């Protein structure tokens, strides 16, 4: 759904930036986890699990808000391939924001590792114990994290292009504060 608004609704913008912080933190924590065998590993795991579940919950809330509020229309003069890329990247973002935590939870379930949230709350297993399934899910989680990081780099590049080259208001649609007045854009 698109609207004639030029900005995302305030709850959408808040969730976007909160999730950006959480997801970037999660990616760097994940890199730290797979590259260390020190005592810091357990600390990183204790942060990684509840943060992943928080991202899952926030992504589901964000999806509901997206369905409810819609999104501002892209600039009418944006070439069709760029519009398609923007639309597809949004679908991929939502898929990864939901799939990555679920895959991580399933992976831990298959290894019979508990998913402990803050306050000692344990999530139930969502898969039976299976070493081979654990290995498959571990690899999926690992490689999808790289894909997610690549998607984030493309997203940041696109935003910089829209802000610095086109200056078409796309950046301002999600900026926490308006950086310039934008006229209403027609939807096509």
C-alpha atoms as a PDB file:
ATOM      1  CA  UNK A   1       0.000   0.000   0.000  1.00  0.00           C
ATOM      2  CA  UNK A   2       1.283   3.462  -0.839  1.00  0.00           C
ATOM      3  CA  UNK A   3      -0.026   6.807   0.268  1.00  0.00           C
ATOM      4  CA  UNK A   4       0.384  10.410  -0.786  1.00  0.00           C
ATOM      5  CA  UNK A   5       2.229  11.084   2.483  1.00  0.00           C
ATOM      6  CA  UNK A   6       5.877  11.931   2.028  1.00  0.00           C
ATOM      7  CA  UNK A   7       6.987  10.414   5.345  1.00  0.00           C
ATOM      8  CA  UNK A   8       6.480   7.178   7.200  1.00  0.00           C
ATOM      9  CA  UNK A   9       4.313   7.417  10.322  1.00  0.00           C
ATOM     10  CA  UNK A  10       6.141   8.217  13.578  1.00  0.00           C
ATOM     11  CA  UNK A  11       5.808   4.648  14.993  1.00  0.00           C
ATOM     12  CA  UNK A  12       7.257   3.285  11.744  1.00  0.00           C
ATOM     13  CA  UNK A  13      10.224   5.647  11.908  1.00  0.00           C
ATOM     14  CA  UNK A  14      10.896   4.849  15.568  1.00  0.00           C
ATOM     15  CA  UNK A  15      10.819   1.108  14.892  1.00  0.00           C
ATOM     16  CA  UNK A  16      13.020   1.489  11.814  1.00  0.00           C
ATOM     17  CA  UNK A  17      15.811   3.211  13.718  1.00  0.00           C
ATOM     18  CA  UNK A  18      15.468   1.015  16.817  1.00  0.00           C
ATOM     19  CA  UNK A  19      15.661  -2.082  14.639  1.00  0.00           C
ATOM     20  CA  UNK A  20      18.605  -0.677  12.680  1.00  0.00           C
ATOM     21  CA  UNK A  21      20.540  -0.410  15.937  1.00  0.00           C
ATOM     22  CA  UNK A  22      19.450  -3.880  17.071  1.00  0.00           C
ATOM     23  CA  UNK A  23      20.216  -5.569  13.742  1.00  0.00           C
ATOM     24  CA  UNK A  24      23.622  -3.964  13.301  1.00  0.00           C
ATOM     25  CA  UNK A  25      24.466  -4.858  16.901  1.00  0.00           C
ATOM     26  CA  UNK A  26      23.296  -8.399  16.275  1.00  0.00           C
ATOM     27  CA  UNK A  27      25.421  -8.780  13.152  1.00  0.00           C
ATOM     28  CA  UNK A  28      28.553  -7.590  14.940  1.00  0.00           C
ATOM     29  CA  UNK A  29      27.792  -9.749  17.992  1.00  0.00           C
ATOM     30  CA  UNK A  30      27.375 -12.712  15.630  1.00  0.00           C
ATOM     31  CA  UNK A  31      30.754 -12.007  14.033  1.00  0.00           C
ATOM     32  CA  UNK A  32      32.272 -11.836  17.502  1.00  0.00           C
ATOM     33  CA  UNK A  33      30.661 -15.135  18.451  1.00  0.00           C
ATOM     34  CA  UNK A  34      32.028 -17.073  15.486  1.00  0.00           C
ATOM     35  CA  UNK A  35      35.495 -15.537  15.775  1.00  0.00           C
ATOM     36  CA  UNK A  36      36.272 -16.089  19.458  1.00  0.00           C
ATOM     37  CA  UNK A  37      36.784 -18.972  21.810  1.00  0.00           C
ATOM     38  CA  UNK A  38      37.444 -16.781  24.828  1.00  0.00           C
ATOM     39  CA  UNK A  39      35.165 -16.327  27.834  1.00  0.00           C
ATOM     40  CA  UNK A  40      33.560 -13.427  25.944  1.00  0.00           C
ATOM     41  CA  UNK A  41      31.803 -16.014  23.762  1.00  0.00           C
ATOM     42  CA  UNK A  42      29.283 -16.868  26.494  1.00  0.00           C
ATOM     43  CA  UNK A  43      28.567 -13.196  27.141  1.00  0.00           C
ATOM     44  CA  UNK A  44      27.944 -12.649  23.437  1.00  0.00           C
ATOM     45  CA  UNK A  45      25.624 -15.676  23.288  1.00  0.00           C
ATOM     46  CA  UNK A  46      23.684 -14.384  26.300  1.00  0.00           C
ATOM     47  CA  UNK A  47      23.110 -11.113  24.435  1.00  0.00           C
ATOM     48  CA  UNK A  48      22.555 -12.687  21.013  1.00  0.00           C
ATOM     49  CA  UNK A  49      19.637 -14.952  21.931  1.00  0.00           C
ATOM     50  CA  UNK A  50      17.289 -12.434  23.596  1.00  0.00           C
ATOM     51  CA  UNK A  51      18.247  -9.732  21.103  1.00  0.00           C
ATOM     52  CA  UNK A  52      17.280 -12.087  18.275  1.00  0.00           C
ATOM     53  CA  UNK A  53      13.872 -12.714  19.833  1.00  0.00           C
ATOM     54  CA  UNK A  54      13.437  -8.969  20.400  1.00  0.00           C
ATOM     55  CA  UNK A  55      14.176  -8.386  16.704  1.00  0.00           C
ATOM     56  CA  UNK A  56      11.603 -11.034  15.780  1.00  0.00           C
ATOM     57  CA  UNK A  57       8.911  -9.371  17.918  1.00  0.00           C
ATOM     58  CA  UNK A  58       9.804  -5.897  16.646  1.00  0.00           C
ATOM     59  CA  UNK A  59       9.791  -7.134  13.029  1.00  0.00           C
ATOM     60  CA  UNK A  60       6.300  -8.572  13.455  1.00  0.00           C
ATOM     61  CA  UNK A  61       5.082  -5.310  14.999  1.00  0.00           C
ATOM     62  CA  UNK A  62       6.745  -3.393  12.193  1.00  0.00           C
ATOM     63  CA  UNK A  63       5.076  -5.582   9.586  1.00  0.00           C
ATOM     64  CA  UNK A  64       1.665  -4.919  11.150  1.00  0.00           C
ATOM     65  CA  UNK A  65       2.376  -1.173  11.167  1.00  0.00           C
ATOM     66  CA  UNK A  66       3.474  -1.342   7.534  1.00  0.00           C
ATOM     67  CA  UNK A  67       0.235  -3.058   6.583  1.00  0.00           C
ATOM     68  CA  UNK A  68      -1.767  -0.554   8.618  1.00  0.00           C
ATOM     69  CA  UNK A  69      -0.038   2.709   7.622  1.00  0.00           C
ATOM     70  CA  UNK A  70       1.388   1.738   4.263  1.00  0.00           C
ATOM     71  CA  UNK A  71       4.370   3.568   2.857  1.00  0.00           C
ATOM     72  CA  UNK A  72       4.927   6.882   1.138  1.00  0.00           C
ATOM     73  CA  UNK A  73       4.970   6.604  -2.623  1.00  0.00           C
ATOM     74  CA  UNK A  74       8.325   6.529  -4.324  1.00  0.00           C
ATOM     75  CA  UNK A  75       9.090   9.513  -6.552  1.00  0.00           C
ATOM     76  CA  UNK A  76       7.055   9.349  -9.762  1.00  0.00           C
ATOM     77  CA  UNK A  77      10.167   9.938 -11.885  1.00  0.00           C
ATOM     78  CA  UNK A  78      12.080   7.034 -10.331  1.00  0.00           C
ATOM     79  CA  UNK A  79      12.950   4.518 -13.072  1.00  0.00           C
ATOM     80  CA  UNK A  80      10.924   1.289 -12.972  1.00  0.00           C
ATOM     81  CA  UNK A  81      13.956  -0.967 -12.268  1.00  0.00           C
ATOM     82  CA  UNK A  82      14.810   1.156  -9.223  1.00  0.00           C
ATOM     83  CA  UNK A  83      11.215   0.990  -7.993  1.00  0.00           C
ATOM     84  CA  UNK A  84      11.289  -2.786  -8.410  1.00  0.00           C
ATOM     85  CA  UNK A  85      14.613  -3.010  -6.537  1.00  0.00           C
ATOM     86  CA  UNK A  86      13.193  -0.901  -3.689  1.00  0.00           C
ATOM     87  CA  UNK A  87      10.091  -3.049  -3.445  1.00  0.00           C
ATOM     88  CA  UNK A  88      11.965  -6.348  -3.606  1.00  0.00           C
ATOM     89  CA  UNK A  89      14.516  -5.203  -1.022  1.00  0.00           C
ATOM     90  CA  UNK A  90      11.691  -4.411   1.398  1.00  0.00           C
ATOM     91  CA  UNK A  91      10.273  -7.929   1.009  1.00  0.00           C
ATOM     92  CA  UNK A  92      13.739  -9.407   1.528  1.00  0.00           C
ATOM     93  CA  UNK A  93      14.323  -7.230   4.606  1.00  0.00           C
ATOM     94  CA  UNK A  94      11.087  -8.384   6.221  1.00  0.00           C
ATOM     95  CA  UNK A  95      11.808 -12.013   5.292  1.00  0.00           C
ATOM     96  CA  UNK A  96      15.265 -11.859   6.863  1.00  0.00           C
ATOM     97  CA  UNK A  97      14.147  -9.927   9.954  1.00  0.00           C
ATOM     98  CA  UNK A  98      11.628 -12.685  10.648  1.00  0.00           C
ATOM     99  CA  UNK A  99      13.489 -15.721   9.302  1.00  0.00           C
ATOM    100  CA  UNK A 100      16.866 -15.127  10.953  1.00  0.00           C
ATOM    101  CA  UNK A 101      15.590 -15.228  14.546  1.00  0.00           C
ATOM    102  CA  UNK A 102      13.326 -18.180  13.746  1.00  0.00           C
ATOM    103  CA  UNK A 103      16.202 -20.090  12.158  1.00  0.00           C
ATOM    104  CA  UNK A 104      18.389 -19.296  15.164  1.00  0.00           C
ATOM    105  CA  UNK A 105      15.680 -20.482  17.567  1.00  0.00           C
ATOM    106  CA  UNK A 106      15.124 -23.637  15.499  1.00  0.00           C
ATOM    107  CA  UNK A 107      18.873 -24.265  15.337  1.00  0.00           C
ATOM    108  CA  UNK A 108      19.179 -24.043  19.118  1.00  0.00           C
ATOM    109  CA  UNK A 109      16.129 -26.275  19.550  1.00  0.00           C
ATOM    110  CA  UNK A 110      17.659 -28.911  17.260  1.00  0.00           C
ATOM    111  CA  UNK A 111      20.799 -28.878  19.436  1.00  0.00           C
ATOM    112  CA  UNK A 112      18.764 -28.909  22.662  1.00  0.00           C
ATOM    113  CA  UNK A 113      20.218 -25.564  23.723  1.00  0.00           C
ATOM    114  CA  UNK A 114      17.864 -23.371  25.709  1.00  0.00           C
ATOM    115  CA  UNK A 115      16.763 -19.972  24.455  1.00  0.00           C
ATOM    116  CA  UNK A 116      16.892 -17.932  27.642  1.00  0.00           C
ATOM    117  CA  UNK A 117      15.517 -14.417  27.616  1.00  0.00           C
ATOM    118  CA  UNK A 118      16.120 -11.734  30.201  1.00  0.00           C
ATOM    119  CA  UNK A 119      14.686 -12.602  33.589  1.00  0.00           C
ATOM    120  CA  UNK A 120      15.334 -16.308  33.138  1.00  0.00           C
ATOM    121  CA  UNK A 121      12.372 -16.890  30.818  1.00  0.00           C
ATOM    122  CA  UNK A 122      12.981 -19.977  28.652  1.00  0.00           C
ATOM    123  CA  UNK A 123      11.377 -20.299  25.237  1.00  0.00           C
ATOM    124  CA  UNK A 124      10.086 -23.741  24.265  1.00  0.00           C
ATOM    125  CA  UNK A 125      11.873 -25.814  21.654  1.00  0.00           C
ATOM    126  CA  UNK A 126      10.330 -25.489  18.209  1.00  0.00           C
ATOM    127  CA  UNK A 127      12.084 -28.499  16.662  1.00  0.00           C
ATOM    128  CA  UNK A 128      13.061 -31.949  17.857  1.00  0.00           C
ATOM    129  CA  UNK A 129      16.692 -32.665  18.723  1.00  0.00           C
ATOM    130  CA  UNK A 130      18.622 -33.481  15.551  1.00  0.00           C
ATOM    131  CA  UNK A 131      22.366 -32.956  15.097  1.00  0.00           C
ATOM    132  CA  UNK A 132      22.073 -32.992  11.298  1.00  0.00           C
ATOM    133  CA  UNK A 133      19.226 -30.456  11.343  1.00  0.00           C
ATOM    134  CA  UNK A 134      21.227 -28.300  13.769  1.00  0.00           C
ATOM    135  CA  UNK A 135      24.167 -28.288  11.347  1.00  0.00           C
ATOM    136  CA  UNK A 136      21.940 -27.398   8.390  1.00  0.00           C
ATOM    137  CA  UNK A 137      20.277 -24.565  10.310  1.00  0.00           C
ATOM    138  CA  UNK A 138      23.625 -23.303  11.625  1.00  0.00           C
ATOM    139  CA  UNK A 139      24.901 -22.983   8.054  1.00  0.00           C
ATOM    140  CA  UNK A 140      21.681 -21.295   6.931  1.00  0.00           C
ATOM    141  CA  UNK A 141      21.880 -18.824   9.834  1.00  0.00           C
ATOM    142  CA  UNK A 142      25.555 -18.143   9.145  1.00  0.00           C
ATOM    143  CA  UNK A 143      25.238 -17.527   5.406  1.00  0.00           C
ATOM    144  CA  UNK A 144      21.986 -15.584   5.649  1.00  0.00           C
ATOM    145  CA  UNK A 145      23.730 -13.235   8.098  1.00  0.00           C
ATOM    146  CA  UNK A 146      26.208 -12.360   5.328  1.00  0.00           C
ATOM    147  CA  UNK A 147      23.330 -11.851   2.902  1.00  0.00           C
ATOM    148  CA  UNK A 148      21.640  -9.613   5.476  1.00  0.00           C
ATOM    149  CA  UNK A 149      24.804  -7.568   5.891  1.00  0.00           C
ATOM    150  CA  UNK A 150      25.084  -7.227   2.105  1.00  0.00           C
ATOM    151  CA  UNK A 151      21.455  -6.107   1.900  1.00  0.00           C
ATOM    152  CA  UNK A 152      22.111  -3.490   4.592  1.00  0.00           C
ATOM    153  CA  UNK A 153      25.103  -2.174   2.616  1.00  0.00           C
ATOM    154  CA  UNK A 154      22.941  -1.917  -0.520  1.00  0.00           C
ATOM    155  CA  UNK A 155      20.208  -0.184   1.505  1.00  0.00           C
ATOM    156  CA  UNK A 156      22.639   2.400   2.875  1.00  0.00           C
ATOM    157  CA  UNK A 157      24.084   2.913  -0.618  1.00  0.00           C
ATOM    158  CA  UNK A 158      20.602   3.455  -2.065  1.00  0.00           C
ATOM    159  CA  UNK A 159      19.722   5.934   0.667  1.00  0.00           C
ATOM    160  CA  UNK A 160      22.945   7.873   0.042  1.00  0.00           C
ATOM    161  CA  UNK A 161      22.144   7.872  -3.685  1.00  0.00           C
ATOM    162  CA  UNK A 162      18.644   9.207  -3.012  1.00  0.00           C
ATOM    163  CA  UNK A 163      19.943  11.870  -0.622  1.00  0.00           C
ATOM    164  CA  UNK A 164      23.171  12.987  -2.285  1.00  0.00           C
ATOM    165  CA  UNK A 165      22.500  12.405  -5.985  1.00  0.00           C
ATOM    166  CA  UNK A 166      18.761  12.536  -6.583  1.00  0.00           C
ATOM    167  CA  UNK A 167      17.782  14.564  -3.507  1.00  0.00           C
ATOM    168  CA  UNK A 168      14.254  13.280  -4.077  1.00  0.00           C
ATOM    169  CA  UNK A 169      12.919  13.051  -0.524  1.00  0.00           C
ATOM    170  CA  UNK A 170      13.306   9.279  -0.099  1.00  0.00           C
ATOM    171  CA  UNK A 171      15.791   9.740   2.739  1.00  0.00           C
ATOM    172  CA  UNK A 172      13.493  12.223   4.465  1.00  0.00           C
ATOM    173  CA  UNK A 173      10.637   9.703   4.359  1.00  0.00           C
ATOM    174  CA  UNK A 174      12.358   7.674   7.099  1.00  0.00           C
ATOM    175  CA  UNK A 175      14.568  10.333   8.691  1.00  0.00           C
ATOM    176  CA  UNK A 176      13.809  10.904  12.346  1.00  0.00           C
ATOM    177  CA  UNK A 177      13.365  14.597  11.648  1.00  0.00           C
ATOM    178  CA  UNK A 178      12.560  16.256   8.366  1.00  0.00           C
ATOM    179  CA  UNK A 179      15.692  17.616   6.724  1.00  0.00           C
ATOM    180  CA  UNK A 180      13.763  19.640   4.175  1.00  0.00           C
ATOM    181  CA  UNK A 181      10.205  20.392   3.193  1.00  0.00           C
ATOM    182  CA  UNK A 182       8.911  17.974   0.612  1.00  0.00           C
ATOM    183  CA  UNK A 183       5.861  18.577  -1.551  1.00  0.00           C
ATOM    184  CA  UNK A 184       3.266  15.813  -1.773  1.00  0.00           C
ATOM    185  CA  UNK A 185       4.399  13.262  -4.355  1.00  0.00           C
ATOM    186  CA  UNK A 186       1.883  11.820  -6.776  1.00  0.00           C
ATOM    187  CA  UNK A 187       1.515   8.020  -6.649  1.00  0.00           C
ATOM    188  CA  UNK A 188       1.765   5.896  -9.766  1.00  0.00           C
END
